[in-house]
Every structure is written in structure tokens, then in C-alpha cells.
Protein backbone atom coordinates (compact mmCIF):
# COMPACT_ATOMS: atom_id res chain seq x y z
CA MET A 1 3.85 20.68 189.97
CA LEU A 2 0.41 20.74 188.78
CA PRO A 3 -1.55 24.28 189.52
CA THR A 4 -3.77 23.98 192.35
CA TYR A 5 -6.77 24.21 190.29
CA LEU A 6 -5.86 20.85 189.12
CA SER A 7 -4.29 19.40 192.01
CA HIS A 8 -7.04 16.35 192.11
CA LEU A 9 -5.46 15.01 189.10
CA PRO A 10 -3.11 12.13 189.68
CA LEU A 11 0.94 13.24 189.83
CA PRO A 12 2.58 11.37 186.70
CA PRO A 13 5.62 9.04 187.43
CA ALA A 14 9.02 10.68 186.99
CA ASP A 15 9.47 8.88 183.69
CA ALA A 16 6.65 10.60 182.42
CA LEU A 17 7.52 14.12 183.50
CA ALA A 18 10.97 13.60 182.07
CA LEU A 19 8.98 12.76 178.91
CA SER A 20 7.01 15.66 179.09
CA ALA A 21 9.85 18.19 180.23
CA GLU A 22 11.58 17.23 177.08
CA LEU A 23 8.70 17.95 174.75
CA GLN A 24 8.28 21.28 176.46
CA GLN A 25 11.94 22.19 175.53
CA GLN A 26 10.98 21.28 172.19
CA ILE A 27 8.34 23.46 172.06
CA ARG A 28 10.30 26.52 174.10
CA SER A 29 12.66 25.97 171.13
CA GLU A 30 10.18 26.36 168.37
CA ILE A 31 8.81 29.36 170.23
CA ALA A 32 12.14 31.15 169.87
CA ALA A 33 12.90 30.28 166.72
CA SER A 34 9.67 31.73 165.41
CA GLY A 35 10.15 35.14 167.31
CA GLY A 36 8.15 34.35 170.62
CA TRP A 37 5.07 32.82 168.98
CA ILE A 38 3.36 30.05 167.67
CA SER A 39 -0.25 29.60 166.71
CA PHE A 40 -2.09 27.31 169.35
CA ALA A 41 -2.79 25.01 166.46
CA ARG A 42 0.97 24.21 166.12
CA TYR A 43 1.36 23.79 169.97
CA MET A 44 -1.33 21.42 169.70
CA GLU A 45 0.37 19.50 166.84
CA LEU A 46 3.61 19.16 168.87
CA ALA A 47 1.65 18.26 172.07
CA LEU A 48 0.11 15.56 170.65
CA TYR A 49 2.42 14.40 167.59
CA SER A 50 5.89 15.50 167.93
CA PRO A 51 8.09 12.55 167.24
CA GLY A 52 8.83 10.12 170.65
CA ALA A 53 7.29 12.68 173.07
CA GLY A 54 4.05 13.86 171.75
CA TYR A 55 0.74 12.40 173.11
CA TYR A 56 0.12 9.83 170.46
CA SER A 57 3.66 9.19 169.57
CA ALA A 58 4.75 8.16 172.90
CA GLY A 59 4.01 4.70 174.43
CA SER A 60 1.82 5.32 177.20
CA THR A 61 -1.90 3.60 177.79
CA LYS A 62 -4.21 6.23 176.38
CA LEU A 63 -7.43 4.30 175.87
CA GLY A 64 -9.37 2.14 178.22
CA PRO A 65 -9.79 2.07 181.99
CA GLY A 66 -6.56 2.41 182.90
CA GLY A 67 -5.82 5.13 180.45
CA ASP A 68 -7.05 8.80 179.82
CA PHE A 69 -10.39 8.07 177.92
CA VAL A 70 -12.69 5.66 176.71
CA THR A 71 -13.87 5.26 172.98
CA ALA A 72 -16.65 3.23 171.91
CA PRO A 73 -15.32 0.09 170.54
CA GLU A 74 -13.56 -0.18 174.24
CA ILE A 75 -16.77 0.41 175.92
CA SER A 76 -18.80 -3.06 173.91
CA PRO A 77 -18.11 -5.10 171.00
CA LEU A 78 -21.81 -3.83 170.17
CA PHE A 79 -20.55 -0.91 168.63
CA GLY A 80 -18.37 -2.86 166.27
CA ARG A 81 -20.73 -5.80 165.58
CA SER A 82 -23.58 -3.13 164.47
CA VAL A 83 -21.05 -0.81 162.43
CA ALA A 84 -20.33 -4.19 160.66
CA ARG A 85 -24.14 -4.20 159.55
CA GLN A 86 -23.70 -0.96 157.92
CA ILE A 87 -20.14 -1.93 156.68
CA GLY A 88 -21.46 -5.25 155.28
CA GLN A 89 -24.64 -3.51 153.13
CA LEU A 90 -21.80 -0.90 151.57
CA MET A 91 -19.54 -4.00 150.69
CA GLU A 92 -22.81 -5.29 148.83
CA THR A 93 -21.96 -2.47 146.27
CA GLY A 94 -18.87 -4.49 145.17
CA VAL A 95 -16.54 -2.27 147.25
CA ARG A 96 -14.22 -4.95 148.82
CA THR A 97 -11.41 -2.57 151.14
CA ILE A 98 -12.04 -1.10 154.06
CA ILE A 99 -9.47 1.47 155.50
CA GLU A 100 -9.64 2.53 159.22
CA VAL A 101 -7.94 5.85 160.05
CA GLY A 102 -6.39 5.87 163.81
CA ALA A 103 -7.25 2.36 164.69
CA GLY A 104 -5.82 2.87 168.38
CA SER A 105 -6.10 -0.29 170.49
CA GLY A 106 -7.46 -2.30 167.49
CA ALA A 107 -10.73 -3.10 169.64
CA LEU A 108 -13.01 -1.64 166.52
CA ALA A 109 -10.73 -3.56 163.54
CA THR A 110 -11.21 -6.72 165.49
CA ASP A 111 -14.62 -6.49 166.33
CA LEU A 112 -15.39 -5.64 162.52
CA LEU A 113 -13.28 -8.51 161.43
CA GLN A 114 -15.11 -10.99 163.83
CA SER A 115 -18.29 -9.91 162.61
CA LEU A 116 -17.89 -9.51 158.83
CA SER A 117 -16.11 -13.10 159.15
CA ALA A 118 -19.61 -14.54 160.72
CA LEU A 119 -21.62 -12.61 157.98
CA ASP A 120 -19.31 -14.56 155.48
CA ARG A 121 -18.38 -11.09 154.07
CA LEU A 122 -14.40 -10.25 155.12
CA PRO A 123 -13.00 -7.68 153.21
CA GLU A 124 -9.86 -8.49 150.49
CA HIS A 125 -8.14 -5.93 152.15
CA TYR A 126 -8.29 -4.13 155.64
CA GLN A 127 -6.19 -1.21 155.48
CA ILE A 128 -5.00 0.90 158.70
CA LEU A 129 -3.69 4.00 158.71
CA GLU A 130 -2.01 4.68 161.85
CA VAL A 131 0.44 7.42 162.90
CA SER A 132 1.91 5.68 166.35
CA ALA A 133 4.33 3.20 166.02
CA ASP A 134 3.17 1.70 169.43
CA PHE A 135 -0.46 1.47 168.46
CA ARG A 136 0.29 -0.38 165.41
CA GLU A 137 1.98 -3.07 167.21
CA ARG A 138 -0.64 -3.31 169.59
CA GLN A 139 -3.25 -3.82 166.80
CA ARG A 140 -1.34 -6.34 165.00
CA GLU A 141 -1.07 -8.45 168.05
CA ARG A 142 -4.85 -8.16 169.06
CA ILE A 143 -6.02 -8.83 165.67
CA ALA A 144 -3.79 -11.93 164.99
CA SER A 145 -5.06 -13.30 168.53
CA ALA A 146 -8.83 -12.56 167.85
CA VAL A 147 -9.16 -13.09 164.35
CA PRO A 148 -6.21 -15.63 162.96
CA ASN A 149 -8.06 -16.14 160.06
CA ALA A 150 -8.23 -12.73 158.72
CA ILE A 151 -4.81 -11.12 159.71
CA GLY A 152 -3.52 -12.19 156.37
CA ARG A 153 -6.00 -9.34 155.16
CA VAL A 154 -4.38 -6.39 157.13
CA GLN A 155 -2.07 -4.21 155.82
CA TRP A 156 -0.55 -1.29 157.80
CA LEU A 157 -0.36 2.19 155.45
CA GLU A 158 1.90 5.07 155.59
CA THR A 159 -0.26 7.29 153.21
CA LEU A 160 -3.59 6.55 151.14
CA PRO A 161 -3.15 5.41 147.70
CA HIS A 162 -3.69 8.18 145.21
CA SER A 163 -6.98 6.75 144.13
CA THR A 164 -9.06 3.64 145.49
CA ASP A 165 -12.48 2.11 145.90
CA ALA A 166 -12.94 1.89 149.75
CA ILE A 167 -15.11 2.10 152.71
CA LEU A 168 -13.07 4.38 154.96
CA ILE A 169 -14.02 4.75 158.78
CA ALA A 170 -12.63 7.20 161.35
CA ASN A 171 -13.80 6.78 165.00
CA GLU A 172 -12.52 9.93 167.12
CA VAL A 173 -9.88 11.06 164.44
CA LEU A 174 -11.21 14.37 163.80
CA ASP A 175 -11.62 15.74 167.29
CA ALA A 176 -7.62 15.52 167.77
CA MET A 177 -6.56 17.09 164.96
CA PRO A 178 -4.81 20.80 165.64
CA ALA A 179 -7.25 23.38 166.01
CA HIS A 180 -6.97 26.98 165.47
CA VAL A 181 -8.56 29.38 168.20
CA ILE A 182 -9.55 32.79 167.25
CA ARG A 183 -11.30 35.51 169.18
CA THR A 184 -13.58 38.26 167.91
CA ARG A 185 -13.56 41.71 169.19
CA SER A 186 -15.51 44.90 168.78
CA GLY A 187 -15.11 46.61 165.41
CA GLY A 188 -14.97 43.53 163.26
CA HIS A 189 -11.42 42.54 164.55
CA ILE A 190 -10.42 38.91 164.96
CA ASP A 191 -7.45 37.47 166.50
CA GLU A 192 -5.69 34.29 166.39
CA LEU A 193 -4.37 32.38 169.87
CA GLY A 194 -0.92 31.64 169.74
CA VAL A 195 1.39 30.37 172.69
CA GLY A 196 4.31 32.00 173.86
CA GLU A 197 6.50 31.95 177.16
CA ASP A 198 6.13 33.93 180.48
CA ALA A 199 8.70 36.47 181.64
CA ASN A 200 10.39 33.97 183.50
CA GLY A 201 10.32 31.42 180.67
CA GLU A 202 8.90 28.83 182.85
CA ALA A 203 5.36 28.24 181.64
CA PHE A 204 3.55 28.76 178.40
CA GLU A 205 1.08 31.52 177.99
CA ARG A 206 -1.83 32.56 175.83
CA ILE A 207 -1.00 35.38 173.36
CA PHE A 208 -3.32 36.80 170.87
CA ARG A 209 -2.61 38.26 167.33
CA PRO A 210 -4.46 39.41 164.54
CA ALA A 211 -5.44 36.41 162.45
CA GLY A 212 -4.27 36.12 158.86
CA ALA A 213 -5.85 34.22 155.99
CA PRO A 214 -7.24 31.69 155.57
CA LEU A 215 -7.83 31.44 159.16
CA LEU A 216 -9.38 35.13 158.73
CA ALA A 217 -11.86 34.26 156.09
CA ALA A 218 -12.92 31.33 157.49
CA ALA A 219 -13.84 33.35 160.78
CA ARG A 220 -15.33 35.87 159.11
CA ALA A 221 -17.83 33.51 157.27
CA LEU A 222 -19.23 32.52 160.82
CA ASP A 223 -20.52 35.97 161.50
CA LEU A 224 -19.88 35.32 165.11
CA PRO A 225 -20.74 38.11 167.78
CA ASP A 226 -18.18 40.36 169.71
CA ASP A 227 -16.09 39.12 172.49
CA TYR A 228 -16.61 35.32 171.48
CA GLU A 229 -13.69 32.59 171.62
CA THR A 230 -13.83 29.35 169.40
CA GLU A 231 -12.10 27.07 167.38
CA ILE A 232 -11.61 26.55 163.65
CA ASN A 233 -10.21 23.46 162.39
CA LEU A 234 -8.47 24.17 159.09
CA ALA A 235 -6.79 20.80 159.21
CA SER A 236 -9.86 18.49 159.57
CA ARG A 237 -11.51 20.28 156.70
CA ALA A 238 -8.30 19.56 154.39
CA PHE A 239 -7.85 15.85 155.54
CA VAL A 240 -11.73 15.26 154.72
CA LYS A 241 -11.39 16.95 151.35
CA SER A 242 -8.10 15.05 150.65
CA PHE A 243 -9.15 11.74 151.73
CA ALA A 244 -12.63 12.02 149.88
CA ARG A 245 -10.91 12.89 146.71
CA ARG A 246 -8.59 9.82 147.20
CA ILE A 247 -11.90 7.26 147.19
CA ALA A 248 -12.80 6.94 143.64
CA ARG A 249 -15.95 5.05 144.76
CA GLY A 250 -17.34 3.94 148.25
CA ALA A 251 -17.98 5.78 151.39
CA LEU A 252 -16.29 7.99 154.45
CA LEU A 253 -18.03 6.94 157.67
CA PHE A 254 -16.81 9.46 160.82
CA PHE A 255 -17.88 8.86 164.58
CA ASP A 256 -17.24 11.88 166.61
CA TYR A 257 -18.38 14.29 169.04
CA GLY A 258 -19.66 17.59 167.78
CA PHE A 259 -22.66 19.73 166.24
CA PRO A 260 -23.79 21.06 162.88
CA ARG A 261 -22.30 24.48 162.67
CA ALA A 262 -25.38 26.55 163.87
CA GLU A 263 -25.17 24.56 167.05
CA TYR A 264 -21.48 24.77 167.06
CA TYR A 265 -21.15 28.25 167.03
CA HIS A 266 -24.16 29.36 168.81
CA PRO A 267 -24.24 32.77 170.71
CA GLN A 268 -24.35 30.83 174.18
CA ARG A 269 -21.51 28.72 173.15
CA SER A 270 -18.86 31.92 173.62
CA ARG A 271 -15.67 30.10 174.99
CA GLY A 272 -15.62 27.01 172.65
CA THR A 273 -15.26 23.53 173.15
CA LEU A 274 -11.69 22.62 173.84
CA MET A 275 -11.28 19.97 176.18
CA CYS A 276 -8.44 18.10 177.79
CA HIS A 277 -8.46 14.31 178.79
CA TYR A 278 -6.26 12.91 181.31
CA ARG A 279 -6.33 9.74 183.34
CA GLN A 280 -10.25 9.83 182.73
CA GLN A 281 -10.59 13.49 184.23
CA VAL A 282 -11.77 16.10 181.84
CA HIS A 283 -10.37 19.80 182.23
CA THR A 284 -9.61 22.81 179.93
CA ASP A 285 -5.98 23.66 180.50
CA PRO A 286 -4.05 22.24 177.59
CA PHE A 287 -0.59 23.92 178.78
CA VAL A 288 -0.73 21.35 181.74
CA LEU A 289 1.69 18.16 181.42
CA PRO A 290 1.94 18.67 177.51
CA GLY A 291 2.46 15.31 175.84
CA LEU A 292 0.75 13.37 178.84
CA GLN A 293 -2.69 14.35 178.17
CA ASP A 294 -4.91 14.38 175.16
CA ILE A 295 -6.29 18.00 173.69
CA THR A 296 -9.48 17.70 171.44
CA ALA A 297 -12.08 20.09 170.20
CA HIS A 298 -15.46 19.34 168.89
CA VAL A 299 -16.39 18.42 165.22
CA ASP A 300 -17.92 21.10 163.06
CA PHE A 301 -20.16 18.58 160.97
CA THR A 302 -21.17 21.31 158.35
CA ALA A 303 -17.50 21.84 157.66
CA VAL A 304 -17.07 17.87 157.34
CA ALA A 305 -20.18 17.98 154.62
CA ASP A 306 -18.71 21.21 152.49
CA ALA A 307 -15.34 19.44 152.50
CA GLY A 308 -16.65 16.04 151.31
CA VAL A 309 -18.92 17.68 148.86
CA GLU A 310 -16.01 20.01 147.39
CA ALA A 311 -14.13 16.47 146.89
CA GLY A 312 -17.04 15.22 144.74
CA HIS A 313 -19.11 13.32 147.41
CA ARG A 314 -22.30 13.64 148.58
CA VAL A 315 -23.42 13.15 152.11
CA LEU A 316 -25.06 9.98 152.11
CA GLY A 317 -26.40 10.42 156.05
CA TYR A 318 -25.89 12.46 159.28
CA THR A 319 -27.27 11.32 163.03
CA ALA A 320 -26.75 11.01 166.32
CA GLN A 321 -24.75 7.99 167.10
CA ALA A 322 -27.62 6.38 169.21
CA GLN A 323 -30.03 6.58 166.19
CA PHE A 324 -27.39 4.97 163.89
CA LEU A 325 -26.58 1.83 166.45
CA ILE A 326 -30.25 1.16 166.60
CA ASN A 327 -30.96 1.61 162.91
CA CYS A 328 -27.88 -0.73 162.30
CA GLY A 329 -29.74 -3.20 164.93
CA ILE A 330 -28.04 -2.99 167.96
CA THR A 331 -31.11 -3.84 169.99
CA ASP A 332 -31.24 -7.03 168.20
CA LEU A 333 -27.86 -7.85 169.05
CA LEU A 334 -28.32 -6.89 172.64
CA ALA A 335 -31.31 -9.36 172.65
CA GLU A 336 -28.82 -12.21 172.02
CA THR A 337 -27.59 -12.34 175.62
CA PRO A 338 -30.27 -13.98 177.65
CA ALA A 339 -32.03 -11.07 179.89
CA ASN A 340 -32.68 -13.86 182.50
CA ASP A 341 -29.10 -14.56 183.14
CA ALA A 342 -28.45 -11.31 185.10
CA ARG A 343 -24.68 -11.61 185.73
CA ALA A 344 -24.18 -12.05 181.87
CA TYR A 345 -26.93 -9.48 180.73
CA ALA A 346 -26.09 -6.81 183.40
CA PRO A 347 -22.73 -5.29 182.00
CA VAL A 348 -23.83 -5.60 178.38
CA ALA A 349 -26.96 -3.68 179.09
CA SER A 350 -24.73 -1.05 180.86
CA ALA A 351 -22.54 -0.73 178.14
CA ALA A 352 -25.22 -0.53 175.68
CA HIS A 353 -26.72 2.22 177.75
CA LYS A 354 -23.62 4.28 177.67
CA LEU A 355 -23.43 4.05 173.97
CA LEU A 356 -27.00 5.14 173.48
CA SER A 357 -28.11 7.27 176.38
CA PRO A 358 -28.48 11.01 175.42
CA ALA A 359 -27.03 11.45 178.95
CA GLU A 360 -23.70 9.56 177.83
CA MET A 361 -22.40 8.98 174.06
CA GLY A 362 -26.06 8.64 172.14
CA GLU A 363 -26.12 12.26 171.49
CA LEU A 364 -23.31 14.20 171.61
CA PHE A 365 -21.71 11.88 169.36
CA LYS A 366 -22.53 11.89 165.81
CA VAL A 367 -22.02 9.84 162.54
CA ILE A 368 -21.80 11.26 158.85
CA ALA A 369 -21.40 9.42 155.93
CA LEU A 370 -19.90 10.67 152.63
CA GLY A 371 -19.99 8.82 149.42
CA ARG A 372 -19.41 8.43 145.29
CA GLY A 373 -20.62 5.82 143.47
CA ILE A 374 -23.03 4.67 146.22
CA ASP A 375 -26.94 4.67 145.40
CA VAL A 376 -28.49 2.83 147.95
CA PRO A 377 -30.19 4.02 151.12
CA LEU A 378 -27.80 3.46 153.90
CA ILE A 379 -29.03 1.19 156.79
CA GLY A 380 -27.80 3.45 159.32
CA PHE A 381 -29.65 6.58 158.68
CA THR A 382 -33.19 4.93 157.70
CA ARG A 383 -34.73 6.61 160.48
CA GLY A 384 -33.64 10.03 162.02
CA ASP A 385 -31.39 11.28 159.38
CA ARG A 386 -30.56 14.96 160.20
CA THR A 387 -28.47 15.80 157.23
CA HIS A 388 -31.16 18.73 156.86
CA THR A 389 -29.34 20.37 159.86
CA LEU A 390 -26.13 20.76 158.00
């Protein structure tokens, strides 16, 4: 049963509840084997990625109106068509491989390949790195149906090549990486949030312990005030650094919701950014329905930039999603739908509004580009570049 304060959420069907119960038992077993405590980052990893039972490993519908949340590519093909213009410019530098990380339903891959085909700029290879077998099959079917002339160029990878020239794109990937949660106390003490069980062994509970290295060093570097709780995502930093090192020449484009460090760790944001998504509802309890809801934290884009620079890349641009899409010509693409045909134009304009409006995705979502061996100014950042805020 759901707790009273979340009684507005729809109750999952019996088979989903059984899967969640199986995952909860796995988590309890690991807690017991670890002496009664695991880090929140480990809990989040199990809840999202445990084989066969984690949120991204099971087969439930996650994206789109019938799922738990909607991403930009599901909102409108305008997103992918605009991004394709930036990728097309990057391909003019001679980089002919595209790598998409976490391709989800395959919507973005489909829109990119259709647009690049129309521009006569199909890549030599479109490689997808996807942890979910269920998603891989959906992607294959969608791309083969929508872009049959390009399916032969699509490959699914288990890991990235050790060294490659490529354009890597990741939409809403970093926010789903397991995050550590820390709390500051007076006297300079810093604790890490972990997960244990209550006295009856019936529910998970929050338990803080003194933070250890390297989390402690990362937290102290932020110089946070007392009584401050927030996330530090060491996994996303390692991910960006590792992938940047493997891109010998090319660019990495990350789309996600988040802030530069000064905004992320603002004194007024004293309880962090952790969120859960279930059936288009947002709440803050990660211990409800493990395996059946998404758990995310906003992205520290300064940490992303630092990780890229440490791997030998430079920041090619950083801006809000709305500004990036406008720079890439989304308004020109919107104008291709006749405004005098209200029935055709209204839904397209409504979708564009969601992508661009500061009250929707336009401002909260950001785009950062890291690159090596790319000397041309990128069209997505010609106006409104905020690199100086990182």
C-alpha cells in the first residue's frame, strides 16, 4: 500500500507490485550482507538498474503519455530535427560516427536519422549504447520502420570503443546516474545518507553516517553551510571523464535538467534536488515502489565541464535548451507547418511551447558541448552562451 501522503498516486497492478517486492528483497539482502547499511547511491543503483527488476531493466512503459515521464524527443520531432542541424555541422568537420547513450524509445535516433537523411548527411555509423534489453528491441523496431534506409548503419554497443572519432549525444542520461546524498552539520561534520531497515524490517529508512573519501573531499570543496542536504554525483563525473577520454576527436552533447555549481548549491536550495517520477506524477520519496518509479537528481554542469576538461576536452558551449534550439533553427522548422491550418498548426505549436517556454523545459533544461579537435564555433551556441557561468 502507498503511504497516505502519496495516496493520490495510482496503485500499480499486481504483477508490478510482485516485481517491486522481489527487488525490495534483493535490496534487503544486500543491506543485511553490508552490516545493516548501504549508501543511498547504491540503493538508487539497485532501484534503477538491478537486472530484471530495476526500473530501467524491467519492461514497463516508462516514456511518453502512457509512461512515467515525457522527454523532449517524445514531445515533438522538432527537438530531434533541430539537434540534427548541430550534428550536421559537426559532421562537416569529418567526424562520421554518432553515438547515442541511453536512446530510450528510439524517438531521438529516428528523428536524427530522418533529418540527416533529408540533409544527405547520414552518418557512416549510428551506434547506441543502451543498458535495457527491452529498450534495445523497441529502438530496433522503431528505427527499422521509420528509417529503413538507415537501419543498416545502426549498431548496438555493450561498451564504447577504447578510442574513436565520434559525436556523442546523451539526452536525460546524467540525471539518472546514482547520486550520493550528503548532509552538513555544525563543526564542519559531513555525513552521507544511507539506507537501512526499520525495526520491523518492513520499510527502508534513512540513516546517516560520517562521509568517507572521496565523497568527503568533494563535499568539503563545495563549502556548504550547516544543516544543508544535497546530492553529489560522483558517478556522472566518472562517466563524463571516461567517455571524453574515449573520444579522440569529436564532441559530446549532454541535454539534461540542472544548474551550474553556484546555482545548484545555492544556500536556499538546502534540501537538494532529488525527485521521483511515477505515472506523470512527481514526488520526493525514493523508497516508495522501488523498481516502479524513476529516481533522479539535477545535474551539476560545472562538474560535467570539469570532468571533460580533465579528460583533455574543452567546453564548446553551454546554454539553456530553448536558446540552443532557437540557435539551431527550431522556429524555421515550426514555420514549415502552415499557421493558417489551425488543426495542423496548433499541436505543433503547443509542443514547441513545451520545449521552449521557461515555465516548461526551455530554461530548466540545459545543453553542454565538450569537444576535442573541433575548431569551428557551434551553431547551437552562437547566441546566449553561458559558459562563463560554469
